[in-house]
């Protein structure tokens, strides 16, 4: 128990001192696992789609969809234009996927889905883009599947 405490103290001091130094906040976030730098660098290979909708419509609708799908919104900054999502089915629960929003014009927004996991990125892109297409009237709603009624008593 004391050994853990002794090991934790230098890490906390290192992170705290780095936060004071210019640019140290990104280092501290990386240590704690909440940096978006890696996801931003992965935007070169992002899955991209542009909508003829205002920025805020895309951001709010996307966040609503992610919540409705019961995905974990690990981190978000609506002003800077990103949401970090975890909990993608078929991926490790802690796999981070970034959703980035770029305002192209007053009526056009580009979404980019990036991750180090190609599988998680593809799954989230398919889900989010499909649901946005439905929400924005670009695709018909998914058919409702009724559960069979059990007549046994």
Foldseek 3Di string as FASTA:
>chain_A
DVVVVVVVVVVVVVLVVLVVDVVSVQVNCVVVVNHCVVQVVQLVVWDKDKAQAALVVLVVQLVVLCVVVVWDFPDDDSVQFKTWTADQPPDPRPFIKMWGWDGPDRGMIMITIGGPDPVSRVRVCVSSVVSVCCVVVNDPDDDDDDDDDDPDD
